[in-house]
Amino acid sequence: MSSRKCITPVGMLSYPHLFTPQDPMEEGGTPKYAAVIVFPEGTDLQPLRDAALVAAQEKFGVEKAEALLKGNKLRLPFRDDWEEKGYPENSVFLNAKTTNPPGLVSRYQDPATGKAARITDPDEIYPGAQVRFSITAFGYDVKGNKGISFALNNVQKWEDGERLDGRVRAEDEFSAEAPVTADLSDLEGTPAPAAGADGDLTDLM
């Protein structure tokens, strides 16, 4: 049987709240770290669907889970309302949350450890970056609402992508108008101007 835990294919990051938790919409709720991952058309999501099925069977039992799925009475985490969100055509996306800070790593190796290098700079994780999620499917039954959702474990940045928020780095937006270092050699040995006999410094201003 498949596991409830899986690694997603590479997708586009959206609405990241990975360094600071997102405030809850409901009063008294718990702040959560969260993010959306958007998969382009044709992405193989079968491992994720298998994990969701396992979570449904564990939560509701095999027969009841099958009946809920056939009757469309089980909310699934896979969304295809891409047009409303402004995502690429025919894309599929999902949201994952956690109350604990997720681990954030690069696809590149840390020479000191030989493992994926940790990311500590928030500017490295932005809407539009290409990422992978480590997620765990779980079932819920809250006030009659039954469904499957994904808990976010960790995030791996795969590569840079076009920013969704339109933000531009300062070093890319402004040109350098001065040399790296000023040449102060002409000022060496130049005595400072002296004040007048009566101490009047107005000529120096």
Protein backbone atom coordinates (compact mmCIF):
# COMPACT_ATOMS: atom_id res chain seq x y z
CA MET A 1 0.00 0.00 0.00
CA SER A 2 1.16 3.51 -0.75
CA SER A 3 2.23 5.86 1.99
CA ARG A 4 0.40 9.02 3.01
CA LYS A 5 3.71 10.86 2.68
CA CYS A 6 5.18 11.81 -0.69
CA ILE A 7 7.42 14.23 -2.56
CA THR A 8 5.61 16.31 -5.17
CA PRO A 9 6.81 16.92 -8.71
CA VAL A 10 8.36 20.32 -9.37
CA GLY A 11 5.80 23.10 -9.49
CA MET A 12 5.44 26.86 -9.18
CA LEU A 13 5.34 28.35 -5.70
CA SER A 14 2.47 30.69 -4.85
CA TYR A 15 1.29 32.47 -1.70
CA PRO A 16 4.29 31.41 0.38
CA HIS A 17 4.14 31.90 4.15
CA LEU A 18 7.18 29.84 4.99
CA PHE A 19 9.30 32.05 7.22
CA THR A 20 6.45 33.68 9.12
CA PRO A 21 3.13 31.91 9.81
CA GLN A 22 -0.06 33.21 8.26
CA ASP A 23 -2.63 34.70 10.61
CA PRO A 24 -5.78 32.56 10.88
CA MET A 25 -8.98 33.76 9.23
CA GLU A 26 -11.12 32.60 12.13
CA GLU A 27 -10.89 34.19 15.57
CA GLY A 28 -8.95 32.07 18.01
CA GLY A 29 -7.35 30.01 15.24
CA THR A 30 -3.73 28.91 15.14
CA PRO A 31 -1.26 30.72 12.84
CA LYS A 32 0.09 28.35 10.19
CA TYR A 33 2.91 28.18 7.73
CA ALA A 34 1.45 27.59 4.28
CA ALA A 35 2.06 27.66 0.55
CA VAL A 36 0.46 26.72 -2.74
CA ILE A 37 2.21 24.66 -5.40
CA VAL A 38 0.98 24.87 -9.01
CA PHE A 39 1.59 22.01 -11.42
CA PRO A 40 1.59 22.58 -15.19
CA GLU A 41 -0.75 20.66 -17.44
CA GLY A 42 0.31 17.05 -17.91
CA THR A 43 2.16 16.68 -14.60
CA ASP A 44 1.90 13.14 -13.19
CA LEU A 45 0.12 13.55 -9.85
CA GLN A 46 -0.74 9.88 -9.35
CA PRO A 47 1.58 9.42 -6.32
CA LEU A 48 -0.20 12.34 -4.63
CA ARG A 49 -3.62 10.91 -5.48
CA ASP A 50 -2.53 7.54 -4.12
CA ALA A 51 -1.46 9.19 -0.86
CA ALA A 52 -4.83 10.97 -0.63
CA LEU A 53 -6.64 7.66 -1.14
CA VAL A 54 -4.64 6.00 1.63
CA ALA A 55 -5.50 8.88 3.97
CA ALA A 56 -9.20 8.55 3.11
CA GLN A 57 -9.18 4.81 3.76
CA GLU A 58 -7.37 5.23 7.06
CA LYS A 59 -9.73 7.96 8.20
CA PHE A 60 -13.09 6.58 7.06
CA GLY A 61 -12.45 2.92 6.30
CA VAL A 62 -12.07 1.35 2.86
CA GLU A 63 -15.75 0.88 2.03
CA LYS A 64 -16.92 4.25 3.36
CA ALA A 65 -14.05 6.07 1.66
CA GLU A 66 -15.01 4.43 -1.65
CA ALA A 67 -18.66 5.40 -1.20
CA LEU A 68 -17.75 9.00 -0.32
CA LEU A 69 -15.52 9.28 -3.37
CA LYS A 70 -18.10 7.82 -5.73
CA GLY A 71 -20.75 10.14 -4.35
CA ASN A 72 -18.49 13.21 -4.59
CA LYS A 73 -18.98 13.73 -0.87
CA LEU A 74 -15.31 13.90 -0.03
CA ARG A 75 -13.43 17.15 -0.53
CA LEU A 76 -10.13 16.56 -2.29
CA PRO A 77 -7.07 18.85 -2.15
CA PHE A 78 -6.52 19.00 -5.93
CA ARG A 79 -7.92 22.18 -7.45
CA ASP A 80 -8.33 23.08 -11.11
CA ASP A 81 -9.91 26.55 -10.91
CA TRP A 82 -6.70 27.92 -12.46
CA GLU A 83 -8.45 30.66 -14.43
CA GLU A 84 -9.92 32.25 -11.31
CA LYS A 85 -6.51 32.32 -9.66
CA GLY A 86 -4.66 33.51 -12.74
CA TYR A 87 -2.51 30.40 -12.99
CA PRO A 88 -1.35 28.77 -16.25
CA GLU A 89 -4.05 27.16 -18.37
CA ASN A 90 -5.18 23.70 -17.26
CA SER A 91 -2.84 23.70 -14.29
CA VAL A 92 -3.66 21.88 -11.05
CA PHE A 93 -2.72 23.25 -7.66
CA LEU A 94 -2.91 22.36 -3.99
CA ASN A 95 -2.41 24.09 -0.67
CA ALA A 96 -0.36 22.65 2.18
CA LYS A 97 -0.12 23.93 5.75
CA THR A 98 1.65 23.22 9.01
CA THR A 99 1.85 24.68 12.50
CA ASN A 100 5.61 23.99 12.59
CA PRO A 101 8.22 25.88 10.56
CA PRO A 102 8.96 23.82 7.44
CA GLY A 103 12.54 23.03 6.50
CA LEU A 104 13.73 24.97 3.43
CA VAL A 105 16.56 23.67 1.29
CA SER A 106 18.16 24.17 -2.11
CA ARG A 107 18.69 21.49 -4.76
CA TYR A 108 22.43 22.17 -4.43
CA GLN A 109 24.73 20.39 -2.05
CA ASP A 110 26.19 21.90 1.09
CA PRO A 111 29.92 21.09 0.90
CA ALA A 112 30.11 20.87 4.69
CA THR A 113 27.42 18.23 5.06
CA GLY A 114 27.05 16.68 1.62
CA LYS A 115 23.27 17.20 1.91
CA ALA A 116 20.90 19.73 0.38
CA ALA A 117 21.96 23.23 1.49
CA ARG A 118 19.60 25.01 3.85
CA ILE A 119 17.93 28.25 2.78
CA THR A 120 17.77 30.98 5.42
CA ASP A 121 17.29 34.04 3.19
CA PRO A 122 13.57 34.85 2.70
CA ASP A 123 14.39 36.50 -0.65
CA GLU A 124 15.30 33.07 -2.03
CA ILE A 125 11.74 31.80 -1.57
CA TYR A 126 9.25 33.87 -3.56
CA PRO A 127 6.04 33.49 -5.59
CA GLY A 128 7.05 32.07 -8.95
CA ALA A 129 10.06 30.06 -7.80
CA GLN A 130 10.11 26.41 -8.89
CA VAL A 131 9.91 24.10 -5.89
CA ARG A 132 9.07 20.65 -4.57
CA PHE A 133 7.07 19.91 -1.42
CA SER A 134 7.33 17.08 1.04
CA ILE A 135 3.71 16.54 2.15
CA THR A 136 1.61 14.11 4.14
CA ALA A 137 -2.04 13.45 3.32
CA PHE A 138 -4.58 13.28 6.14
CA GLY A 139 -8.33 12.91 6.42
CA TYR A 140 -10.62 15.25 8.35
CA ASP A 141 -14.24 15.33 9.44
CA VAL A 142 -15.14 18.74 10.85
CA LYS A 143 -18.75 19.79 11.39
CA GLY A 144 -19.93 17.41 8.72
CA ASN A 145 -17.29 18.47 6.21
CA LYS A 146 -15.30 15.42 5.19
CA GLY A 147 -12.20 15.60 3.09
CA ILE A 148 -8.51 15.11 2.51
CA SER A 149 -5.82 17.72 2.90
CA PHE A 150 -2.04 17.87 2.86
CA ALA A 151 0.27 18.79 5.73
CA LEU A 152 3.44 20.57 4.66
CA ASN A 153 6.69 19.00 5.87
CA ASN A 154 9.53 20.61 3.92
CA VAL A 155 10.22 22.63 0.77
CA GLN A 156 13.04 22.33 -1.73
CA LYS A 157 13.74 25.17 -4.13
CA TRP A 158 14.48 23.66 -7.52
CA GLU A 159 15.26 26.73 -9.58
CA ASP A 160 14.38 30.38 -10.06
CA GLY A 161 11.29 31.40 -12.01
CA GLU A 162 9.44 34.52 -13.09
CA ARG A 163 8.06 36.27 -10.03
CA LEU A 164 4.29 36.29 -9.75
CA ASP A 165 4.23 39.43 -7.63
CA GLY A 166 6.16 41.51 -10.18
CA ARG A 167 8.80 42.44 -7.63
CA VAL A 168 12.23 43.27 -9.03
CA ARG A 169 15.52 43.04 -7.15
CA ALA A 170 17.05 46.44 -6.39
CA GLU A 171 20.32 45.47 -8.05
CA ASP A 172 18.40 44.67 -11.25
CA GLU A 173 16.27 47.82 -11.18
CA PHE A 174 18.96 50.45 -10.59
CA SER A 175 22.19 50.98 -12.51
CA ALA A 176 25.45 51.64 -10.73
CA GLU A 177 26.35 55.33 -11.10
CA ALA A 178 29.64 55.43 -9.17
CA PRO A 179 32.82 53.36 -9.07
CA VAL A 180 33.14 50.62 -6.50
CA THR A 181 35.65 52.67 -4.46
CA ALA A 182 36.45 56.39 -4.53
CA ASP A 183 40.02 57.44 -5.26
CA LEU A 184 41.18 59.51 -2.30
CA SER A 185 44.82 59.79 -3.41
CA ASP A 186 44.37 63.43 -4.51
CA LEU A 187 43.30 64.36 -1.00
CA GLU A 188 46.29 62.86 0.75
CA GLY A 189 48.56 65.45 2.34
CA THR A 190 46.16 68.32 1.68
CA PRO A 191 45.99 70.51 4.80
CA ALA A 192 42.59 71.43 6.15
CA PRO A 193 41.57 75.07 5.58
CA ALA A 194 42.17 77.34 8.56
CA ALA A 195 39.63 79.64 10.16
CA GLY A 196 40.03 83.41 9.98
CA ALA A 197 41.84 85.35 12.71
CA ASP A 198 38.54 86.09 14.45
CA GLY A 199 37.40 82.50 14.28
CA ASP A 200 34.82 83.21 11.56
CA LEU A 201 34.05 80.00 9.74
CA THR A 202 31.54 81.42 7.27
CA ASP A 203 34.05 81.30 4.44
CA LEU A 204 34.36 77.58 4.93
CA MET A 205 30.62 76.85 4.62
